[in-house]
Amino acid sequence: MGLTQHQNAVDTIKEVVNLLLLKGSIGKPGAGTCPVRGHSNVQGDRTMGIYEKPSPSFLDAIQKTYSFNPPREHGYDVVDCIHAMHKGKVNVFMAMGGNFLSATPIQHIQRKHCENAS
């Protein structure tokens, strides 16, 4: 899934498929493509109800079920979060598992962060 988020995603995915075709991996049981989905910042969070822009009806259901009023302001997806942090718009960032920085598609921001950290 991470391949789809990069600048050259289409070409990269084509080359991965070409490699699998050259190896004869397509069409054999257990030897084809394996699009592992569910990285914490891509698809997996959506399938368990975590979304940075939940609908009002979803928030209403949370409020009714758990007897508290969840925040109604929309949050940021991965890319928007990085831009917001860079602009100083984020006061708190909490990550649970995974390496947020290395899992992001914005390489130039990663390099700048690493340069500033050293």
N, C-alpha and C. Protein backbone atom coordinates (compact mmCIF):
# COMPACT_ATOMS: atom_id res chain seq x y z
N MET A 1 0.82 -1.20 0.00
CA MET A 1 0.00 0.00 0.00
C MET A 1 0.86 1.25 0.00
N GLY A 2 2.00 1.23 0.66
CA GLY A 2 2.87 2.39 0.70
C GLY A 2 3.37 2.80 -0.67
N LEU A 3 3.49 1.85 -1.58
CA LEU A 3 3.95 2.17 -2.94
C LEU A 3 3.00 3.14 -3.63
N THR A 4 1.73 3.09 -3.30
CA THR A 4 0.75 3.92 -3.98
C THR A 4 0.82 5.38 -3.57
N GLN A 5 1.53 5.68 -2.51
CA GLN A 5 1.56 7.06 -2.00
C GLN A 5 2.75 7.87 -2.50
N HIS A 6 3.63 7.28 -3.24
CA HIS A 6 4.83 7.99 -3.65
C HIS A 6 4.66 8.66 -5.00
N GLN A 7 5.53 9.62 -5.28
CA GLN A 7 5.45 10.41 -6.51
C GLN A 7 5.48 9.55 -7.77
N ASN A 8 6.28 8.51 -7.77
CA ASN A 8 6.39 7.63 -8.94
C ASN A 8 5.64 6.32 -8.73
N ALA A 9 4.52 6.39 -8.05
CA ALA A 9 3.79 5.19 -7.65
C ALA A 9 3.39 4.29 -8.83
N VAL A 10 2.83 4.87 -9.87
CA VAL A 10 2.35 4.06 -10.99
C VAL A 10 3.51 3.31 -11.64
N ASP A 11 4.59 4.01 -11.92
CA ASP A 11 5.74 3.35 -12.54
C ASP A 11 6.34 2.28 -11.62
N THR A 12 6.41 2.57 -10.34
CA THR A 12 6.96 1.60 -9.39
C THR A 12 6.11 0.34 -9.34
N ILE A 13 4.80 0.50 -9.27
CA ILE A 13 3.90 -0.66 -9.22
C ILE A 13 3.97 -1.46 -10.53
N LYS A 14 4.07 -0.76 -11.65
CA LYS A 14 4.23 -1.47 -12.93
C LYS A 14 5.50 -2.32 -12.92
N GLU A 15 6.58 -1.77 -12.40
CA GLU A 15 7.84 -2.51 -12.37
C GLU A 15 7.78 -3.69 -11.41
N VAL A 16 7.09 -3.54 -10.28
CA VAL A 16 6.92 -4.67 -9.35
C VAL A 16 6.15 -5.79 -10.04
N VAL A 17 5.09 -5.43 -10.75
CA VAL A 17 4.30 -6.44 -11.47
C VAL A 17 5.14 -7.06 -12.59
N ASN A 18 5.92 -6.25 -13.31
CA ASN A 18 6.80 -6.79 -14.35
C ASN A 18 7.78 -7.79 -13.78
N LEU A 19 8.36 -7.47 -12.64
CA LEU A 19 9.29 -8.39 -11.98
C LEU A 19 8.59 -9.71 -11.63
N LEU A 20 7.38 -9.61 -11.10
CA LEU A 20 6.63 -10.82 -10.76
C LEU A 20 6.30 -11.63 -12.02
N LEU A 21 5.98 -10.94 -13.11
CA LEU A 21 5.71 -11.64 -14.37
C LEU A 21 6.97 -12.33 -14.88
N LEU A 22 8.11 -11.64 -14.82
CA LEU A 22 9.37 -12.24 -15.26
C LEU A 22 9.73 -13.48 -14.45
N LYS A 23 9.44 -13.43 -13.17
CA LYS A 23 9.75 -14.57 -12.29
C LYS A 23 8.75 -15.72 -12.45
N GLY A 24 7.67 -15.46 -13.16
CA GLY A 24 6.63 -16.49 -13.29
C GLY A 24 5.77 -16.61 -12.05
N SER A 25 5.69 -15.54 -11.27
CA SER A 25 4.95 -15.59 -10.01
C SER A 25 3.45 -15.37 -10.16
N ILE A 26 3.02 -14.86 -11.27
CA ILE A 26 1.59 -14.61 -11.45
C ILE A 26 0.90 -15.90 -11.90
N GLY A 27 -0.19 -16.23 -11.26
CA GLY A 27 -0.97 -17.41 -11.63
C GLY A 27 -0.60 -18.67 -10.86
N LYS A 28 0.40 -18.64 -10.04
CA LYS A 28 0.77 -19.80 -9.22
C LYS A 28 0.19 -19.61 -7.82
N PRO A 29 -0.38 -20.65 -7.26
CA PRO A 29 -0.92 -20.53 -5.90
C PRO A 29 0.19 -20.11 -4.92
N GLY A 30 -0.06 -19.06 -4.16
CA GLY A 30 0.87 -18.60 -3.15
C GLY A 30 2.08 -17.86 -3.67
N ALA A 31 2.13 -17.56 -4.97
CA ALA A 31 3.33 -16.93 -5.52
C ALA A 31 3.04 -15.60 -6.20
N GLY A 32 1.83 -15.13 -6.16
CA GLY A 32 1.48 -13.89 -6.86
C GLY A 32 1.74 -12.66 -6.03
N THR A 33 1.09 -11.59 -6.43
CA THR A 33 1.24 -10.35 -5.69
C THR A 33 0.59 -10.48 -4.32
N CYS A 34 1.10 -9.74 -3.38
CA CYS A 34 0.56 -9.79 -2.02
C CYS A 34 0.41 -8.36 -1.52
N PRO A 35 -0.68 -7.70 -1.86
CA PRO A 35 -0.85 -6.32 -1.42
C PRO A 35 -1.26 -6.27 0.05
N VAL A 36 -0.28 -6.29 0.92
CA VAL A 36 -0.57 -6.25 2.35
C VAL A 36 -1.14 -4.88 2.68
N ARG A 37 -2.32 -4.89 3.23
CA ARG A 37 -2.99 -3.64 3.57
C ARG A 37 -3.14 -3.56 5.08
N GLY A 38 -3.19 -2.34 5.58
CA GLY A 38 -3.47 -2.19 6.98
C GLY A 38 -2.41 -1.47 7.76
N HIS A 39 -1.44 -0.82 7.10
CA HIS A 39 -0.47 -0.03 7.84
C HIS A 39 -1.23 1.04 8.63
N SER A 40 -0.73 1.37 9.78
CA SER A 40 -1.46 2.26 10.69
C SER A 40 -1.80 3.62 10.11
N ASN A 41 -1.11 4.06 9.09
CA ASN A 41 -1.46 5.37 8.53
C ASN A 41 -2.09 5.27 7.14
N VAL A 42 -2.51 4.10 6.74
CA VAL A 42 -3.07 3.96 5.41
C VAL A 42 -4.48 3.38 5.51
N GLN A 43 -4.65 2.13 5.23
CA GLN A 43 -5.96 1.53 5.13
C GLN A 43 -6.50 0.99 6.44
N GLY A 44 -5.65 0.39 7.26
CA GLY A 44 -6.11 -0.32 8.45
C GLY A 44 -6.91 0.52 9.40
N ASP A 45 -6.53 1.79 9.58
CA ASP A 45 -7.27 2.64 10.51
C ASP A 45 -8.70 2.85 10.06
N ARG A 46 -8.93 2.95 8.75
CA ARG A 46 -10.29 3.17 8.25
C ARG A 46 -11.21 1.98 8.53
N THR A 47 -10.65 0.79 8.50
CA THR A 47 -11.50 -0.38 8.67
C THR A 47 -11.89 -0.61 10.12
N MET A 48 -11.27 0.10 11.05
CA MET A 48 -11.67 -0.05 12.45
C MET A 48 -12.29 1.23 12.99
N GLY A 49 -12.66 2.14 12.11
CA GLY A 49 -13.42 3.31 12.52
C GLY A 49 -12.63 4.54 12.85
N ILE A 50 -11.32 4.53 12.63
CA ILE A 50 -10.53 5.73 12.90
C ILE A 50 -10.41 6.50 11.58
N TYR A 51 -10.81 7.74 11.62
CA TYR A 51 -10.80 8.57 10.41
C TYR A 51 -10.65 10.02 10.85
N GLU A 52 -9.81 10.78 10.16
CA GLU A 52 -9.56 12.16 10.58
C GLU A 52 -10.71 13.11 10.29
N LYS A 53 -11.68 12.66 9.47
CA LYS A 53 -12.83 13.51 9.14
C LYS A 53 -14.13 12.71 9.29
N PRO A 54 -14.44 12.32 10.54
CA PRO A 54 -15.64 11.50 10.74
C PRO A 54 -16.92 12.29 10.43
N SER A 55 -17.92 11.57 9.98
CA SER A 55 -19.20 12.20 9.64
C SER A 55 -19.95 12.58 10.92
N PRO A 56 -20.83 13.55 10.84
CA PRO A 56 -21.64 13.92 12.01
C PRO A 56 -22.44 12.73 12.56
N SER A 57 -22.96 11.88 11.67
CA SER A 57 -23.74 10.73 12.14
C SER A 57 -22.87 9.74 12.93
N PHE A 58 -21.62 9.56 12.51
CA PHE A 58 -20.70 8.69 13.25
C PHE A 58 -20.40 9.28 14.62
N LEU A 59 -20.14 10.59 14.66
CA LEU A 59 -19.87 11.25 15.94
C LEU A 59 -21.09 11.22 16.85
N ASP A 60 -22.30 11.37 16.27
CA ASP A 60 -23.52 11.26 17.06
C ASP A 60 -23.66 9.87 17.67
N ALA A 61 -23.32 8.84 16.88
CA ALA A 61 -23.40 7.46 17.38
C ALA A 61 -22.40 7.23 18.51
N ILE A 62 -21.19 7.79 18.39
CA ILE A 62 -20.20 7.68 19.46
C ILE A 62 -20.72 8.36 20.72
N GLN A 63 -21.28 9.54 20.54
CA GLN A 63 -21.80 10.29 21.69
C GLN A 63 -22.91 9.51 22.38
N LYS A 64 -23.82 8.95 21.61
CA LYS A 64 -24.93 8.20 22.19
C LYS A 64 -24.45 6.92 22.87
N THR A 65 -23.54 6.20 22.24
CA THR A 65 -23.07 4.92 22.76
C THR A 65 -22.19 5.08 23.99
N TYR A 66 -21.30 6.06 23.98
CA TYR A 66 -20.30 6.18 25.05
C TYR A 66 -20.53 7.35 26.00
N SER A 67 -21.62 8.07 25.80
CA SER A 67 -22.02 9.16 26.71
C SER A 67 -20.95 10.24 26.89
N PHE A 68 -20.31 10.63 25.81
CA PHE A 68 -19.42 11.78 25.84
C PHE A 68 -19.48 12.49 24.49
N ASN A 69 -19.12 13.75 24.48
CA ASN A 69 -19.20 14.54 23.27
C ASN A 69 -17.84 14.58 22.57
N PRO A 70 -17.66 13.80 21.50
CA PRO A 70 -16.37 13.79 20.80
C PRO A 70 -16.15 15.12 20.07
N PRO A 71 -14.89 15.49 19.85
CA PRO A 71 -14.60 16.73 19.10
C PRO A 71 -15.22 16.67 17.71
N ARG A 72 -15.71 17.80 17.25
CA ARG A 72 -16.36 17.86 15.94
C ARG A 72 -15.43 18.43 14.86
N GLU A 73 -14.30 18.99 15.24
CA GLU A 73 -13.38 19.54 14.24
C GLU A 73 -12.66 18.40 13.53
N HIS A 74 -12.46 18.56 12.24
CA HIS A 74 -11.74 17.55 11.48
C HIS A 74 -10.26 17.60 11.80
N GLY A 75 -9.63 16.45 11.71
CA GLY A 75 -8.19 16.35 11.94
C GLY A 75 -7.45 16.34 10.62
N TYR A 76 -6.25 15.76 10.64
CA TYR A 76 -5.39 15.73 9.45
C TYR A 76 -5.10 14.30 9.03
N ASP A 77 -4.99 14.06 7.72
CA ASP A 77 -4.45 12.79 7.26
C ASP A 77 -2.92 12.88 7.37
N VAL A 78 -2.22 11.84 6.96
CA VAL A 78 -0.76 11.81 7.15
C VAL A 78 -0.06 12.99 6.49
N VAL A 79 -0.34 13.20 5.22
CA VAL A 79 0.34 14.27 4.49
C VAL A 79 -0.04 15.64 5.05
N ASP A 80 -1.33 15.86 5.29
CA ASP A 80 -1.76 17.15 5.84
C ASP A 80 -1.19 17.37 7.24
N CYS A 81 -1.03 16.30 8.00
CA CYS A 81 -0.47 16.39 9.35
C CYS A 81 0.97 16.88 9.29
N ILE A 82 1.73 16.35 8.36
CA ILE A 82 3.13 16.77 8.22
C ILE A 82 3.20 18.25 7.85
N HIS A 83 2.36 18.66 6.90
CA HIS A 83 2.35 20.07 6.52
C HIS A 83 1.92 20.96 7.69
N ALA A 84 0.92 20.53 8.45
CA ALA A 84 0.46 21.31 9.60
C ALA A 84 1.53 21.41 10.68
N MET A 85 2.26 20.31 10.92
CA MET A 85 3.34 20.36 11.91
C MET A 85 4.43 21.31 11.44
N HIS A 86 4.74 21.24 10.16
CA HIS A 86 5.78 22.09 9.58
C HIS A 86 5.41 23.57 9.72
N LYS A 87 4.11 23.88 9.61
CA LYS A 87 3.64 25.27 9.71
C LYS A 87 3.36 25.68 11.15
N GLY A 88 3.57 24.77 12.11
CA GLY A 88 3.33 25.10 13.52
C GLY A 88 1.88 25.09 13.93
N LYS A 89 1.03 24.41 13.16
CA LYS A 89 -0.40 24.36 13.46
C LYS A 89 -0.79 23.20 14.38
N VAL A 90 0.16 22.34 14.71
CA VAL A 90 -0.13 21.17 15.55
C VAL A 90 0.50 21.37 16.92
N ASN A 91 -0.32 21.27 17.96
CA ASN A 91 0.17 21.42 19.33
C ASN A 91 0.59 20.10 19.94
N VAL A 92 -0.10 19.03 19.57
CA VAL A 92 0.18 17.71 20.15
C VAL A 92 0.15 16.67 19.05
N PHE A 93 1.12 15.77 19.06
CA PHE A 93 1.12 14.63 18.15
C PHE A 93 1.34 13.38 18.98
N MET A 94 0.44 12.43 18.87
CA MET A 94 0.58 11.18 19.60
C MET A 94 0.50 10.03 18.60
N ALA A 95 1.51 9.19 18.60
CA ALA A 95 1.53 8.04 17.71
C ALA A 95 1.61 6.78 18.55
N MET A 96 0.88 5.79 18.14
CA MET A 96 0.89 4.52 18.86
C MET A 96 1.40 3.44 17.93
N GLY A 97 2.66 3.12 18.02
CA GLY A 97 3.25 2.08 17.18
C GLY A 97 3.64 2.63 15.82
N GLY A 98 4.54 1.95 15.18
CA GLY A 98 4.98 2.36 13.86
C GLY A 98 5.92 3.54 13.92
N ASN A 99 6.55 3.84 12.81
CA ASN A 99 7.45 4.97 12.70
C ASN A 99 6.80 5.95 11.73
N PHE A 100 6.12 6.92 12.28
CA PHE A 100 5.35 7.87 11.46
C PHE A 100 6.22 8.53 10.40
N LEU A 101 7.37 9.01 10.78
CA LEU A 101 8.22 9.74 9.84
C LEU A 101 8.67 8.87 8.66
N SER A 102 9.14 7.66 8.96
CA SER A 102 9.64 6.82 7.87
C SER A 102 8.52 6.22 7.03
N ALA A 103 7.29 6.23 7.52
CA ALA A 103 6.17 5.66 6.77
C ALA A 103 5.48 6.67 5.88
N THR A 104 5.97 7.91 5.86
CA THR A 104 5.30 8.94 5.09
C THR A 104 5.88 9.07 3.69
N PRO A 105 5.07 9.59 2.76
CA PRO A 105 5.54 9.71 1.38
C PRO A 105 6.28 11.01 1.09
N ILE A 106 6.47 11.88 2.07
CA ILE A 106 7.08 13.17 1.81
C ILE A 106 8.55 13.12 2.18
N GLN A 107 9.37 12.68 1.25
CA GLN A 107 10.78 12.44 1.51
C GLN A 107 11.57 13.71 1.81
N HIS A 108 11.27 14.82 1.14
CA HIS A 108 12.06 16.03 1.37
C HIS A 108 11.84 16.56 2.79
N ILE A 109 10.66 16.38 3.36
CA ILE A 109 10.43 16.80 4.74
C ILE A 109 11.16 15.86 5.69
N GLN A 110 11.20 14.56 5.37
CA GLN A 110 11.95 13.62 6.19
C GLN A 110 13.42 14.02 6.25
N ARG A 111 13.99 14.32 5.10
CA ARG A 111 15.41 14.68 5.06
C ARG A 111 15.67 15.95 5.87
N LYS A 112 14.78 16.95 5.73
CA LYS A 112 14.96 18.20 6.46
C LYS A 112 14.88 17.93 7.97
N HIS A 113 13.93 17.10 8.38
CA HIS A 113 13.79 16.77 9.81
C HIS A 113 15.07 16.10 10.32
N CYS A 114 15.57 15.16 9.56
CA CYS A 114 16.78 14.44 10.00
C CYS A 114 17.98 15.38 10.06
N GLU A 115 18.09 16.31 9.10
CA GLU A 115 19.18 17.27 9.11
C GLU A 115 19.09 18.19 10.33
N ASN A 116 17.87 18.60 10.68
CA ASN A 116 17.67 19.48 11.82
C ASN A 116 17.91 18.75 13.14
N ALA A 117 17.68 17.45 13.17
CA ALA A 117 17.82 16.67 14.40
C ALA A 117 19.29 16.40 14.73
N SER A 118 20.16 16.44 13.71
CA SER A 118 21.58 16.11 13.98
C SER A 118 22.41 17.32 14.32
